[in-house]
Structures are given as C-alpha cells and as structure tokens.
C-alpha cells in the first residue's frame, strides 16, 4: 500500500503523484491519496508519520507559510508536542507531499525523492 499525503494545489505534490503512478508503481500497488487539508491528521497520526520519516518534527513543517510566522513556530523553546499540535490545527504547515510505503516515508520535495521508496 502506498499512501500519499497530498495537496492538489501544490505543483510538487502533483508531480510526485504523477511520478508514482507513471514511473515507480509498476506493480500497481494499491494507492491511497489523502488530501490532508480536507482530512487533517491527528497528533497520533503525525507522530507515526514522523517516525516513518525518521526526521525531526520541525523538518515536517513548512516554514514559509504565514501561519508559521503568526504562530511564532520559529521559537526554539517550543516542544515537539506543541509543534504536533500546531500541525494538527493548521495542516497547511505540513510538508507536501509525504509518501509512505512499506513502513517508510519520504517528503517528496523534490518529487524525485519518492524513488527511494521503490529502490
């Protein structure tokens, strides 16, 4: 199963979806596309996704969104719990796309990053 956390308005997210369907998914694995802006992830789902990514919570956050500045997320004393809560309440802050396959995940920026899941 391939899961893509996708924002259809994002060109990088659309490009990653295209690469998966046309290039990498030759075995036609089942693919679930989650429009996370319509269906925000819970803190628990974000924690699982973070573990699959193997990165810091901050690396999951888009720091060029207006909400990032408004919420003062650049403040280093913020805990991971506070960052997860910000992601849950403001899903626009989540990096995109994020692709999950076989218990591993990558951020598809650039879209070619998804190739690592199919190697």
PDB file of N, CA and C in Angstrom:
ATOM      1  N   UNK A   1       0.837  -1.179   0.000  1.00  0.00           N
ATOM      2  CA  UNK A   1       0.000   0.000   0.000  1.00  0.00           C
ATOM      3  C   UNK A   1       0.880   1.239   0.000  1.00  0.00           C
ATOM      4  N   UNK A   2       0.550   2.160  -0.869  1.00  0.00           N
ATOM      5  CA  UNK A   2       1.224   3.444  -0.946  1.00  0.00           C
ATOM      6  C   UNK A   2       0.227   4.493  -0.471  1.00  0.00           C
ATOM      7  N   UNK A   3       0.657   5.337   0.449  1.00  0.00           N
ATOM      8  CA  UNK A   3      -0.182   6.438   0.910  1.00  0.00           C
ATOM      9  C   UNK A   3       0.521   7.739   0.570  1.00  0.00           C
ATOM     10  N   UNK A   4      -0.236   8.634  -0.046  1.00  0.00           N
ATOM     11  CA  UNK A   4       0.319   9.937  -0.420  1.00  0.00           C
ATOM     12  C   UNK A   4      -0.481  11.012   0.300  1.00  0.00           C
ATOM     13  N   UNK A   5       0.198  11.774   1.144  1.00  0.00           N
ATOM     14  CA  UNK A   5      -0.419  12.930   1.795  1.00  0.00           C
ATOM     15  C   UNK A   5      -0.228  14.084   0.827  1.00  0.00           C
ATOM     16  N   UNK A   6      -1.324  14.503   0.233  1.00  0.00           N
ATOM     17  CA  UNK A   6      -1.304  15.294  -0.990  1.00  0.00           C
ATOM     18  C   UNK A   6      -2.101  16.583  -0.859  1.00  0.00           C
ATOM     19  N   UNK A   7      -1.570  17.634  -1.494  1.00  0.00           N
ATOM     20  CA  UNK A   7      -2.287  18.887  -1.655  1.00  0.00           C
ATOM     21  C   UNK A   7      -2.393  19.117  -3.159  1.00  0.00           C
ATOM     22  N   UNK A   8      -3.580  18.959  -3.739  1.00  0.00           N
ATOM     23  CA  UNK A   8      -3.707  19.075  -5.192  1.00  0.00           C
ATOM     24  C   UNK A   8      -3.361  20.454  -5.746  1.00  0.00           C
ATOM     25  N   UNK A   9      -3.289  21.462  -4.906  1.00  0.00           N
ATOM     26  CA  UNK A   9      -2.929  22.807  -5.365  1.00  0.00           C
ATOM     27  C   UNK A   9      -1.417  23.002  -5.460  1.00  0.00           C
ATOM     28  N   UNK A  10      -0.661  22.041  -4.969  1.00  0.00           N
ATOM     29  CA  UNK A  10       0.802  22.137  -4.947  1.00  0.00           C
ATOM     30  C   UNK A  10       1.397  21.410  -6.160  1.00  0.00           C
ATOM     31  N   UNK A  11       2.190  22.115  -6.933  1.00  0.00           N
ATOM     32  CA  UNK A  11       2.779  21.511  -8.131  1.00  0.00           C
ATOM     33  C   UNK A  11       3.727  20.371  -7.793  1.00  0.00           C
ATOM     34  N   UNK A  12       4.483  20.485  -6.707  1.00  0.00           N
ATOM     35  CA  UNK A  12       5.405  19.410  -6.312  1.00  0.00           C
ATOM     36  C   UNK A  12       4.618  18.163  -5.896  1.00  0.00           C
ATOM     37  N   UNK A  13       3.509  18.371  -5.226  1.00  0.00           N
ATOM     38  CA  UNK A  13       2.675  17.261  -4.806  1.00  0.00           C
ATOM     39  C   UNK A  13       2.056  16.572  -6.028  1.00  0.00           C
ATOM     40  N   UNK A  14       1.570  17.347  -6.967  1.00  0.00           N
ATOM     41  CA  UNK A  14       1.017  16.772  -8.196  1.00  0.00           C
ATOM     42  C   UNK A  14       2.091  16.018  -8.972  1.00  0.00           C
ATOM     43  N   UNK A  15       3.292  16.575  -9.025  1.00  0.00           N
ATOM     44  CA  UNK A  15       4.393  15.921  -9.746  1.00  0.00           C
ATOM     45  C   UNK A  15       4.777  14.595  -9.092  1.00  0.00           C
ATOM     46  N   UNK A  16       4.799  14.551  -7.773  1.00  0.00           N
ATOM     47  CA  UNK A  16       5.128  13.301  -7.074  1.00  0.00           C
ATOM     48  C   UNK A  16       4.058  12.250  -7.350  1.00  0.00           C
ATOM     49  N   UNK A  17       2.800  12.628  -7.323  1.00  0.00           N
ATOM     50  CA  UNK A  17       1.717  11.685  -7.635  1.00  0.00           C
ATOM     51  C   UNK A  17       1.876  11.142  -9.045  1.00  0.00           C
ATOM     52  N   UNK A  18       2.207  12.014  -9.960  1.00  0.00           N
ATOM     53  CA  UNK A  18       2.402  11.610 -11.360  1.00  0.00           C
ATOM     54  C   UNK A  18       3.568  10.629 -11.481  1.00  0.00           C
ATOM     55  N   UNK A  19       4.676  10.923 -10.820  1.00  0.00           N
ATOM     56  CA  UNK A  19       5.830  10.012 -10.867  1.00  0.00           C
ATOM     57  C   UNK A  19       5.476   8.636 -10.320  1.00  0.00           C
ATOM     58  N   UNK A  20       4.744   8.615  -9.232  1.00  0.00           N
ATOM     59  CA  UNK A  20       4.381   7.330  -8.627  1.00  0.00           C
ATOM     60  C   UNK A  20       3.503   6.524  -9.583  1.00  0.00           C
ATOM     61  N   UNK A  21       2.494   7.163 -10.146  1.00  0.00           N
ATOM     62  CA  UNK A  21       1.560   6.415 -10.986  1.00  0.00           C
ATOM     63  C   UNK A  21       2.142   6.033 -12.341  1.00  0.00           C
ATOM     64  N   UNK A  22       3.053   6.841 -12.872  1.00  0.00           N
ATOM     65  CA  UNK A  22       3.576   6.549 -14.208  1.00  0.00           C
ATOM     66  C   UNK A  22       4.932   5.860 -14.224  1.00  0.00           C
ATOM     67  N   UNK A  23       5.718   6.038 -13.184  1.00  0.00           N
ATOM     68  CA  UNK A  23       7.090   5.538 -13.219  1.00  0.00           C
ATOM     69  C   UNK A  23       7.399   4.487 -12.155  1.00  0.00           C
ATOM     70  N   UNK A  24       7.106   4.797 -10.909  1.00  0.00           N
ATOM     71  CA  UNK A  24       7.582   3.950  -9.822  1.00  0.00           C
ATOM     72  C   UNK A  24       6.649   2.811  -9.450  1.00  0.00           C
ATOM     73  N   UNK A  25       5.381   2.944  -9.664  1.00  0.00           N
ATOM     74  CA  UNK A  25       4.435   1.925  -9.213  1.00  0.00           C
ATOM     75  C   UNK A  25       4.122   0.925 -10.326  1.00  0.00           C
ATOM     76  N   UNK A  26       5.155   0.283 -10.840  1.00  0.00           N
ATOM     77  CA  UNK A  26       4.973  -0.665 -11.939  1.00  0.00           C
ATOM     78  C   UNK A  26       4.196  -1.906 -11.512  1.00  0.00           C
ATOM     79  N   UNK A  27       4.196  -2.215 -10.219  1.00  0.00           N
ATOM     80  CA  UNK A  27       3.456  -3.382  -9.722  1.00  0.00           C
ATOM     81  C   UNK A  27       1.994  -3.048  -9.437  1.00  0.00           C
ATOM     82  N   UNK A  28       1.600  -1.810  -9.711  1.00  0.00           N
ATOM     83  CA  UNK A  28       0.217  -1.366  -9.482  1.00  0.00           C
ATOM     84  C   UNK A  28      -0.258  -1.620  -8.057  1.00  0.00           C
ATOM     85  N   UNK A  29       0.598  -1.254  -7.102  1.00  0.00           N
ATOM     86  CA  UNK A  29       0.213  -1.370  -5.694  1.00  0.00           C
ATOM     87  C   UNK A  29      -0.979  -0.460  -5.426  1.00  0.00           C
ATOM     88  N   UNK A  30      -1.793  -0.872  -4.477  1.00  0.00           N
ATOM     89  CA  UNK A  30      -2.913  -0.033  -4.060  1.00  0.00           C
ATOM     90  C   UNK A  30      -2.354   1.295  -3.563  1.00  0.00           C
ATOM     91  N   UNK A  31      -3.002   2.373  -3.956  1.00  0.00           N
ATOM     92  CA  UNK A  31      -2.547   3.710  -3.590  1.00  0.00           C
ATOM     93  C   UNK A  31      -3.699   4.494  -2.990  1.00  0.00           C
ATOM     94  N   UNK A  32      -3.431   5.066  -1.822  1.00  0.00           N
ATOM     95  CA  UNK A  32      -4.411   5.918  -1.160  1.00  0.00           C
ATOM     96  C   UNK A  32      -3.881   7.343  -1.190  1.00  0.00           C
ATOM     97  N   UNK A  33      -4.697   8.251  -1.700  1.00  0.00           N
ATOM     98  CA  UNK A  33      -4.325   9.664  -1.709  1.00  0.00           C
ATOM     99  C   UNK A  33      -5.149  10.361  -0.641  1.00  0.00           C
ATOM    100  N   UNK A  34      -4.447  10.936   0.322  1.00  0.00           N
ATOM    101  CA  UNK A  34      -5.092  11.631   1.434  1.00  0.00           C
ATOM    102  C   UNK A  34      -4.905  13.128   1.237  1.00  0.00           C
ATOM    103  N   UNK A  35      -5.994  13.821   1.001  1.00  0.00           N
ATOM    104  CA  UNK A  35      -5.931  15.281   0.917  1.00  0.00           C
ATOM    105  C   UNK A  35      -5.980  15.802   2.351  1.00  0.00           C
ATOM    106  N   UNK A  36      -4.809  15.998   2.914  1.00  0.00           N
ATOM    107  CA  UNK A  36      -4.687  16.282   4.340  1.00  0.00           C
ATOM    108  C   UNK A  36      -5.256  17.643   4.742  1.00  0.00           C
ATOM    109  N   UNK A  37      -5.488  18.533   3.779  1.00  0.00           N
ATOM    110  CA  UNK A  37      -6.136  19.797   4.125  1.00  0.00           C
ATOM    111  C   UNK A  37      -7.627  19.582   4.393  1.00  0.00           C
ATOM    112  N   UNK A  38      -8.209  18.617   3.696  1.00  0.00           N
ATOM    113  CA  UNK A  38      -9.619  18.272   3.916  1.00  0.00           C
ATOM    114  C   UNK A  38      -9.782  17.308   5.087  1.00  0.00           C
ATOM    115  N   UNK A  39      -8.772  16.474   5.297  1.00  0.00           N
ATOM    116  CA  UNK A  39      -8.800  15.441   6.344  1.00  0.00           C
ATOM    117  C   UNK A  39      -7.516  15.549   7.169  1.00  0.00           C
ATOM    118  N   UNK A  40      -7.439  16.542   8.064  1.00  0.00           N
ATOM    119  CA  UNK A  40      -6.208  16.755   8.835  1.00  0.00           C
ATOM    120  C   UNK A  40      -5.834  15.533   9.677  1.00  0.00           C
ATOM    121  N   UNK A  41      -4.536  15.359   9.832  1.00  0.00           N
ATOM    122  CA  UNK A  41      -4.026  14.264  10.634  1.00  0.00           C
ATOM    123  C   UNK A  41      -4.098  14.620  12.114  1.00  0.00           C
ATOM    124  N   UNK A  42      -4.330  13.605  12.934  1.00  0.00           N
ATOM    125  CA  UNK A  42      -4.325  13.796  14.377  1.00  0.00           C
ATOM    126  C   UNK A  42      -2.882  13.838  14.871  1.00  0.00           C
ATOM    127  N   UNK A  43      -2.702  14.230  16.097  1.00  0.00           N
ATOM    128  CA  UNK A  43      -1.361  14.229  16.690  1.00  0.00           C
ATOM    129  C   UNK A  43      -0.769  12.822  16.635  1.00  0.00           C
ATOM    130  N   UNK A  44      -1.562  11.804  16.945  1.00  0.00           N
ATOM    131  CA  UNK A  44      -1.053  10.426  16.917  1.00  0.00           C
ATOM    132  C   UNK A  44      -0.633  10.025  15.505  1.00  0.00           C
ATOM    133  N   UNK A  45      -1.423  10.376  14.501  1.00  0.00           N
ATOM    134  CA  UNK A  45      -1.057  10.075  13.120  1.00  0.00           C
ATOM    135  C   UNK A  45       0.212  10.821  12.718  1.00  0.00           C
ATOM    136  N   UNK A  46       0.331  12.063  13.144  1.00  0.00           N
ATOM    137  CA  UNK A  46       1.531  12.843  12.853  1.00  0.00           C
ATOM    138  C   UNK A  46       2.764  12.229  13.494  1.00  0.00           C
ATOM    139  N   UNK A  47       2.625  11.725  14.713  1.00  0.00           N
ATOM    140  CA  UNK A  47       3.756  11.078  15.393  1.00  0.00           C
ATOM    141  C   UNK A  47       4.201   9.819  14.643  1.00  0.00           C
ATOM    142  N   UNK A  48       3.225   9.017  14.186  1.00  0.00           N
ATOM    143  CA  UNK A  48       3.563   7.807  13.419  1.00  0.00           C
ATOM    144  C   UNK A  48       4.258   8.190  12.112  1.00  0.00           C
ATOM    145  N   UNK A  49       3.723   9.193  11.451  1.00  0.00           N
ATOM    146  CA  UNK A  49       4.313   9.651  10.198  1.00  0.00           C
ATOM    147  C   UNK A  49       5.728  10.163  10.430  1.00  0.00           C
ATOM    148  N   UNK A  50       5.925  10.885  11.510  1.00  0.00           N
ATOM    149  CA  UNK A  50       7.250  11.402  11.850  1.00  0.00           C
ATOM    150  C   UNK A  50       8.237  10.259  12.083  1.00  0.00           C
ATOM    151  N   UNK A  51       7.799   9.211  12.768  1.00  0.00           N
ATOM    152  CA  UNK A  51       8.669   8.049  12.996  1.00  0.00           C
ATOM    153  C   UNK A  51       9.035   7.384  11.669  1.00  0.00           C
ATOM    154  N   UNK A  52       8.088   7.311  10.752  1.00  0.00           N
ATOM    155  CA  UNK A  52       8.366   6.706   9.444  1.00  0.00           C
ATOM    156  C   UNK A  52       9.317   7.567   8.623  1.00  0.00           C
ATOM    157  N   UNK A  53       9.214   8.875   8.774  1.00  0.00           N
ATOM    158  CA  UNK A  53      10.115   9.783   8.067  1.00  0.00           C
ATOM    159  C   UNK A  53      11.522   9.742   8.650  1.00  0.00           C
ATOM    160  N   UNK A  54      11.618   9.524   9.955  1.00  0.00           N
ATOM    161  CA  UNK A  54      12.927   9.497  10.607  1.00  0.00           C
ATOM    162  C   UNK A  54      13.586  10.868  10.633  1.00  0.00           C
ATOM    163  N   UNK A  55      12.788  11.905  10.827  1.00  0.00           N
ATOM    164  CA  UNK A  55      13.325  13.265  10.871  1.00  0.00           C
ATOM    165  C   UNK A  55      12.792  13.958  12.122  1.00  0.00           C
ATOM    166  N   UNK A  56      13.203  15.195  12.311  1.00  0.00           N
ATOM    167  CA  UNK A  56      12.666  15.958  13.427  1.00  0.00           C
ATOM    168  C   UNK A  56      11.268  16.457  13.063  1.00  0.00           C
ATOM    169  N   UNK A  57      10.494  16.810  14.061  1.00  0.00           N
ATOM    170  CA  UNK A  57       9.165  17.369  13.809  1.00  0.00           C
ATOM    171  C   UNK A  57       9.301  18.655  12.996  1.00  0.00           C
ATOM    172  N   UNK A  58      10.291  19.442  13.300  1.00  0.00           N
ATOM    173  CA  UNK A  58      10.493  20.719  12.586  1.00  0.00           C
ATOM    174  C   UNK A  58      10.686  20.499  11.085  1.00  0.00           C
ATOM    175  N   UNK A  59      11.306  19.382  10.704  1.00  0.00           N
ATOM    176  CA  UNK A  59      11.521  19.101   9.285  1.00  0.00           C
ATOM    177  C   UNK A  59      10.212  18.775   8.565  1.00  0.00           C
ATOM    178  N   UNK A  60       9.170  18.474   9.319  1.00  0.00           N
ATOM    179  CA  UNK A  60       7.854  18.202   8.738  1.00  0.00           C
ATOM    180  C   UNK A  60       7.064  19.487   8.500  1.00  0.00           C
ATOM    181  N   UNK A  61       7.580  20.595   8.987  1.00  0.00           N
ATOM    182  CA  UNK A  61       6.828  21.856   8.974  1.00  0.00           C
ATOM    183  C   UNK A  61       7.327  22.767   7.856  1.00  0.00           C
ATOM    184  N   UNK A  62       6.373  23.324   7.131  1.00  0.00           N
ATOM    185  CA  UNK A  62       6.679  24.324   6.103  1.00  0.00           C
ATOM    186  C   UNK A  62       6.855  25.677   6.789  1.00  0.00           C
ATOM    187  N   UNK A  63       8.059  26.192   6.741  1.00  0.00           N
ATOM    188  CA  UNK A  63       8.336  27.446   7.450  1.00  0.00           C
ATOM    189  C   UNK A  63       8.093  28.688   6.599  1.00  0.00           C
ATOM    190  N   UNK A  64       7.592  28.500   5.386  1.00  0.00           N
ATOM    191  CA  UNK A  64       7.312  29.662   4.539  1.00  0.00           C
ATOM    192  C   UNK A  64       5.822  30.007   4.497  1.00  0.00           C
ATOM    193  N   UNK A  65       5.015  29.356   5.304  1.00  0.00           N
ATOM    194  CA  UNK A  65       3.585  29.653   5.380  1.00  0.00           C
ATOM    195  C   UNK A  65       3.348  30.795   6.375  1.00  0.00           C
ATOM    196  N   UNK A  66       2.328  31.594   6.118  1.00  0.00           N
ATOM    197  CA  UNK A  66       2.000  32.718   7.002  1.00  0.00           C
ATOM    198  C   UNK A  66       1.724  32.239   8.427  1.00  0.00           C
ATOM    199  N   UNK A  67       1.084  31.089   8.551  1.00  0.00           N
ATOM    200  CA  UNK A  67       0.759  30.547   9.879  1.00  0.00           C
ATOM    201  C   UNK A  67       2.016  30.278  10.705  1.00  0.00           C
ATOM    202  N   UNK A  68       3.091  29.910  10.044  1.00  0.00           N
ATOM    203  CA  UNK A  68       4.353  29.648  10.738  1.00  0.00           C
ATOM    204  C   UNK A  68       4.805  30.893  11.505  1.00  0.00           C
ATOM    205  N   UNK A  69       4.741  32.018  10.825  1.00  0.00           N
ATOM    206  CA  UNK A  69       5.143  33.270  11.458  1.00  0.00           C
ATOM    207  C   UNK A  69       4.121  33.699  12.510  1.00  0.00           C
ATOM    208  N   UNK A  70       2.845  33.622  12.156  1.00  0.00           N
ATOM    209  CA  UNK A  70       1.779  34.039  13.069  1.00  0.00           C
ATOM    210  C   UNK A  70       1.818  33.254  14.382  1.00  0.00           C
ATOM    211  N   UNK A  71       2.107  31.970  14.290  1.00  0.00           N
ATOM    212  CA  UNK A  71       2.142  31.118  15.476  1.00  0.00           C
ATOM    213  C   UNK A  71       3.498  31.142  16.179  1.00  0.00           C
ATOM    214  N   UNK A  72       4.437  31.895  15.620  1.00  0.00           N
ATOM    215  CA  UNK A  72       5.787  32.020  16.180  1.00  0.00           C
ATOM    216  C   UNK A  72       6.452  30.652  16.356  1.00  0.00           C
ATOM    217  N   UNK A  73       6.334  29.814  15.334  1.00  0.00           N
ATOM    218  CA  UNK A  73       6.889  28.462  15.411  1.00  0.00           C
ATOM    219  C   UNK A  73       8.402  28.419  15.277  1.00  0.00           C
ATOM    220  N   UNK A  74       9.005  29.530  14.914  1.00  0.00           N
ATOM    221  CA  UNK A  74      10.466  29.570  14.850  1.00  0.00           C
ATOM    222  C   UNK A  74      11.088  29.593  16.240  1.00  0.00           C
ATOM    223  N   UNK A  75      10.271  29.864  17.257  1.00  0.00           N
ATOM    224  CA  UNK A  75      10.789  29.894  18.631  1.00  0.00           C
ATOM    225  C   UNK A  75      11.351  28.528  19.003  1.00  0.00           C
ATOM    226  N   UNK A  76      12.634  28.479  19.305  1.00  0.00           N
ATOM    227  CA  UNK A  76      13.283  27.200  19.599  1.00  0.00           C
ATOM    228  C   UNK A  76      12.811  26.526  20.877  1.00  0.00           C
ATOM    229  N   UNK A  77      12.285  27.253  21.885  1.00  0.00           N
ATOM    230  CA  UNK A  77      11.861  26.538  23.094  1.00  0.00           C
ATOM    231  C   UNK A  77      10.589  25.697  22.918  1.00  0.00           C
ATOM    232  N   UNK A  78       9.924  25.785  21.775  1.00  0.00           N
ATOM    233  CA  UNK A  78       8.709  25.002  21.585  1.00  0.00           C
ATOM    234  C   UNK A  78       9.016  23.512  21.639  1.00  0.00           C
ATOM    235  N   UNK A  79       8.154  22.763  22.295  1.00  0.00           N
ATOM    236  CA  UNK A  79       8.340  21.322  22.414  1.00  0.00           C
ATOM    237  C   UNK A  79       7.789  20.618  21.181  1.00  0.00           C
ATOM    238  N   UNK A  80       8.168  19.365  21.005  1.00  0.00           N
ATOM    239  CA  UNK A  80       7.611  18.572  19.919  1.00  0.00           C
ATOM    240  C   UNK A  80       6.097  18.493  20.039  1.00  0.00           C
ATOM    241  N   UNK A  81       5.587  18.366  21.254  1.00  0.00           N
ATOM    242  CA  UNK A  81       4.138  18.306  21.463  1.00  0.00           C
ATOM    243  C   UNK A  81       3.460  19.566  20.945  1.00  0.00           C
ATOM    244  N   UNK A  82       4.050  20.709  21.206  1.00  0.00           N
ATOM    245  CA  UNK A  82       3.483  21.969  20.724  1.00  0.00           C
ATOM    246  C   UNK A  82       3.524  22.039  19.195  1.00  0.00           C
ATOM    247  N   UNK A  83       4.583  21.522  18.607  1.00  0.00           N
ATOM    248  CA  UNK A  83       4.692  21.523  17.149  1.00  0.00           C
ATOM    249  C   UNK A  83       3.676  20.569  16.521  1.00  0.00           C
ATOM    250  N   UNK A  84       3.509  19.387  17.123  1.00  0.00           N
ATOM    251  CA  UNK A  84       2.491  18.449  16.625  1.00  0.00           C
ATOM    252  C   UNK A  84       1.096  19.073  16.698  1.00  0.00           C
ATOM    253  N   UNK A  85       0.812  19.753  17.793  1.00  0.00           N
ATOM    254  CA  UNK A  85      -0.497  20.398  17.953  1.00  0.00           C
ATOM    255  C   UNK A  85      -0.698  21.481  16.891  1.00  0.00           C
ATOM    256  N   UNK A  86       0.345  22.229  16.583  1.00  0.00           N
ATOM    257  CA  UNK A  86       0.244  23.252  15.538  1.00  0.00           C
ATOM    258  C   UNK A  86      -0.040  22.602  14.182  1.00  0.00           C
ATOM    259  N   UNK A  87       0.627  21.483  13.894  1.00  0.00           N
ATOM    260  CA  UNK A  87       0.383  20.769  12.641  1.00  0.00           C
ATOM    261  C   UNK A  87      -1.043  20.220  12.576  1.00  0.00           C
ATOM    262  N   UNK A  88      -1.537  19.739  13.694  1.00  0.00           N
ATOM    263  CA  UNK A  88      -2.892  19.197  13.726  1.00  0.00           C
ATOM    264  C   UNK A  88      -3.920  20.306  13.466  1.00  0.00           C
ATOM    265  N   UNK A  89      -3.720  21.445  14.089  1.00  0.00           N
ATOM    266  CA  UNK A  89      -4.680  22.544  13.977  1.00  0.00           C
ATOM    267  C   UNK A  89      -4.517  23.346  12.682  1.00  0.00           C
ATOM    268  N   UNK A  90      -3.334  23.315  12.102  1.00  0.00           N
ATOM    269  CA  UNK A  90      -3.032  24.089  10.892  1.00  0.00           C
ATOM    270  C   UNK A  90      -2.350  23.171   9.875  1.00  0.00           C
ATOM    271  N   UNK A  91      -3.108  22.281   9.243  1.00  0.00           N
ATOM    272  CA  UNK A  91      -2.496  21.286   8.351  1.00  0.00           C
ATOM    273  C   UNK A  91      -1.754  21.892   7.160  1.00  0.00           C
ATOM    274  N   UNK A  92      -2.007  23.147   6.831  1.00  0.00           N
ATOM    275  CA  UNK A  92      -1.273  23.802   5.745  1.00  0.00           C
ATOM    276  C   UNK A  92       0.227  23.825   6.041  1.00  0.00           C
ATOM    277  N   UNK A  93       0.596  23.668   7.306  1.00  0.00           N
ATOM    278  CA  UNK A  93       2.007  23.696   7.707  1.00  0.00           C
ATOM    279  C   UNK A  93       2.760  22.403   7.391  1.00  0.00           C
ATOM    280  N   UNK A  94       2.038  21.335   7.069  1.00  0.00           N
ATOM    281  CA  UNK A  94       2.682  20.043   6.819  1.00  0.00           C
ATOM    282  C   UNK A  94       3.402  20.062   5.475  1.00  0.00           C
ATOM    283  N   UNK A  95       4.637  19.588   5.474  1.00  0.00           N
ATOM    284  CA  UNK A  95       5.372  19.443   4.217  1.00  0.00           C
ATOM    285  C   UNK A  95       4.550  18.595   3.264  1.00  0.00           C
ATOM    286  N   UNK A  96       4.741  18.834   1.969  1.00  0.00           N
ATOM    287  CA  UNK A  96       3.982  18.075   0.985  1.00  0.00           C
ATOM    288  C   UNK A  96       4.805  17.864  -0.266  1.00  0.00           C
ATOM    289  N   UNK A  97       4.512  16.761  -0.893  1.00  0.00           N
ATOM    290  CA  UNK A  97       3.741  15.627  -0.412  1.00  0.00           C
ATOM    291  C   UNK A  97       4.601  14.767   0.511  1.00  0.00           C
ATOM    292  N   UNK A  98       3.944  13.938   1.276  1.00  0.00           N
ATOM    293  CA  UNK A  98       4.643  12.904   2.040  1.00  0.00           C
ATOM    294  C   UNK A  98       4.111  11.578   1.515  1.00  0.00           C
ATOM    295  N   UNK A  99       5.026  10.696   1.164  1.00  0.00           N
ATOM    296  CA  UNK A  99       4.664   9.402   0.598  1.00  0.00           C
ATOM    297  C   UNK A  99       5.137   8.311   1.546  1.00  0.00           C
ATOM    298  N   UNK A 100       4.230   7.359   1.822  1.00  0.00           N
ATOM    299  CA  UNK A 100       4.529   6.252   2.724  1.00  0.00           C
ATOM    300  C   UNK A 100       4.388   4.942   1.957  1.00  0.00           C
ATOM    301  N   UNK A 101       5.367   4.071   2.146  1.00  0.00           N
ATOM    302  CA  UNK A 101       5.333   2.731   1.528  1.00  0.00           C
ATOM    303  C   UNK A 101       6.152   1.784   2.388  1.00  0.00           C
ATOM    304  N   UNK A 102       5.586   0.631   2.683  1.00  0.00           N
ATOM    305  CA  UNK A 102       6.296  -0.413   3.442  1.00  0.00           C
ATOM    306  C   UNK A 102       6.898   0.104   4.748  1.00  0.00           C
ATOM    307  N   UNK A 103       6.152   0.947   5.453  1.00  0.00           N
ATOM    308  CA  UNK A 103       6.596   1.426   6.760  1.00  0.00           C
ATOM    309  C   UNK A 103       7.625   2.540   6.730  1.00  0.00           C
ATOM    310  N   UNK A 104       7.991   2.978   5.534  1.00  0.00           N
ATOM    311  CA  UNK A 104       8.943   4.087   5.399  1.00  0.00           C
ATOM    312  C   UNK A 104       8.248   5.250   4.719  1.00  0.00           C
ATOM    313  N   UNK A 105       8.750   6.449   4.946  1.00  0.00           N
ATOM    314  CA  UNK A 105       8.155   7.632   4.341  1.00  0.00           C
ATOM    315  C   UNK A 105       9.243   8.600   3.889  1.00  0.00           C
ATOM    316  N   UNK A 106       8.890   9.409   2.894  1.00  0.00           N
ATOM    317  CA  UNK A 106       9.775  10.475   2.425  1.00  0.00           C
ATOM    318  C   UNK A 106       8.929  11.711   2.140  1.00  0.00           C
ATOM    319  N   UNK A 107       9.580  12.845   2.241  1.00  0.00           N
ATOM    320  CA  UNK A 107       8.969  14.094   1.806  1.00  0.00           C
ATOM    321  C   UNK A 107       9.329  14.246   0.337  1.00  0.00           C
ATOM    322  N   UNK A 108       8.332  14.378  -0.500  1.00  0.00           N
ATOM    323  CA  UNK A 108       8.537  14.435  -1.947  1.00  0.00           C
ATOM    324  C   UNK A 108       8.884  15.805  -2.482  1.00  0.00           C
ATOM    325  N   UNK A 109       9.810  16.449  -1.860  1.00  0.00           N
ATOM    326  CA  UNK A 109      10.328  17.738  -2.331  1.00  0.00           C
ATOM    327  C   UNK A 109      11.839  17.605  -2.396  1.00  0.00           C
ATOM    328  N   UNK A 110      12.398  17.446  -3.537  1.00  0.00           N
ATOM    329  CA  UNK A 110      11.772  17.404  -4.850  1.00  0.00           C
ATOM    330  C   UNK A 110      11.032  16.086  -5.066  1.00  0.00           C
ATOM    331  N   UNK A 111      10.144  16.044  -6.055  1.00  0.00           N
ATOM    332  CA  UNK A 111       9.339  14.845  -6.286  1.00  0.00           C
ATOM    333  C   UNK A 111      10.171  13.572  -6.478  1.00  0.00           C
ATOM    334  N   UNK A 112      11.372  13.709  -7.009  1.00  0.00           N
ATOM    335  CA  UNK A 112      12.229  12.542  -7.241  1.00  0.00           C
ATOM    336  C   UNK A 112      12.628  11.833  -5.955  1.00  0.00           C
ATOM    337  N   UNK A 113      12.443  12.470  -4.802  1.00  0.00           N
ATOM    338  CA  UNK A 113      12.743  11.828  -3.516  1.00  0.00           C
ATOM    339  C   UNK A 113      11.945  10.544  -3.325  1.00  0.00           C
ATOM    340  N   UNK A 114      10.780  10.449  -3.953  1.00  0.00           N
ATOM    341  CA  UNK A 114       9.950   9.249  -3.751  1.00  0.00           C
ATOM    342  C   UNK A 114      10.609   7.996  -4.308  1.00  0.00           C
ATOM    343  N   UNK A 115      11.564   8.136  -5.194  1.00  0.00           N
ATOM    344  CA  UNK A 115      12.256   6.986  -5.769  1.00  0.00           C
ATOM    345  C   UNK A 115      12.886   6.114  -4.698  1.00  0.00           C
ATOM    346  N   UNK A 116      13.306   6.718  -3.586  1.00  0.00           N
ATOM    347  CA  UNK A 116      13.940   5.956  -2.504  1.00  0.00           C
ATOM    348  C   UNK A 116      13.022   4.883  -1.939  1.00  0.00           C
ATOM    349  N   UNK A 117      11.726   5.084  -2.034  1.00  0.00           N
ATOM    350  CA  UNK A 117      10.776   4.095  -1.503  1.00  0.00           C
ATOM    351  C   UNK A 117      10.589   2.910  -2.434  1.00  0.00           C
ATOM    352  N   UNK A 118      11.071   3.024  -3.654  1.00  0.00           N
ATOM    353  CA  UNK A 118      10.877   1.972  -4.648  1.00  0.00           C
ATOM    354  C   UNK A 118      12.176   1.286  -5.038  1.00  0.00           C
ATOM    355  N   UNK A 119      13.265   1.628  -4.371  1.00  0.00           N
ATOM    356  CA  UNK A 119      14.579   1.048  -4.696  1.00  0.00           C
ATOM    357  C   UNK A 119      14.733  -0.316  -4.063  1.00  0.00           C
TER     358      UNK A 119
END
